[in-house]
Amino acid sequence: MRRLPHWIIAGLFFLLLACTAGSGSVPFYELVADPSRYHGQEVTVLGFYYQKGGEQLLVIGVRTDDGFQNPVPLGQAIWVEGMPSEVLERLNMASGAIYGMVEVTGQFEAGSFGPEGRCPARLVVRDPRRVVALEAAQMREDWVPAGLSLPDTLRLADLLQNPEAYRGQTVSVVAFYYATPKPSPEEAGQKGYTSVLAEGIRSLDGVHNAVPIGKQIWVEGMPPDVPPQLHQAENGIVHGLVRATGIFQIGRYGPDGAYSYRLNVRRAEPLSSR
């Protein structure tokens, strides 16, 4: 079955949650349609948080190129202040942006907010405990097993704790490989793709609607015999636990140079199979 674009899947999930939300929540469309009605009130709302550069937005949906990269916020936005760091760490991080589905409770204000006052409302978070990263809370998360120990092999957290110590060196890393298909020559420059090593994978069931989570580095040169041995998800997405060995580099890599580190892989082996 052909996979729906990621933002449509997320939107359907959003609508389902909205239908089952408690009576204290306010539909997103009501807040943006008539901000003055809720001015000065504490409200709870479901939406997609999007942060990049100076933008801190709550929107109705997010569109991506490949289910992960180049997220674009959709529709009228509410400006957000006070989003807690512990929630940001549980959202998606791609192309220099942080984004994901959230439930937010905060003080709602009508007016002109954000760059050039383009947002007609603002939501100020007063209590970090009243913000929930919904995808992280509702979906399955797989991380590198705590007891997994391989000789002469680093975890991503160890590698990135002191990256300068490994610059230009050959290192072996245990992590989750996640990749989407590369665009055709005709699509080059118009369609993004992903090729990373990540600390974990979030998915519906261990395979489908997967995205990388945690610390990530860009990857090039993954041997072609490795991806077929990993999980095969929709639209050519592959992911799975691997041990990869290659040259570790520091710079600007991937879409918009959003990744500060890259591993040029020389050899790799799957540690989990489909």
Foldseek 3Di string as FASTA:
>chain_A
DADDFLFVVQLVVQVVCVVVDDPQADEPVVCQVCVVVQAFHKHKYKFKFKDADQATWGASTWGAQFLAEDIDGDDATAGEPDADPVLQQQAHAYLRMGMAIKIAIFHKHADFDDVVSRHRIYGYGDDNVRMDRVLSVQWDKDFDDPPDDDPQEAEPVVCVVCVVVQAFHKGKYKFKWKWADDDDPVCPPPGFIATKGARMWTARPLAESIDGHHDIAGEPAADPVAQQFARQYHNRMGMAIKIFIATKHADFDGNVSNGGIYGYTDYMHGPDGD
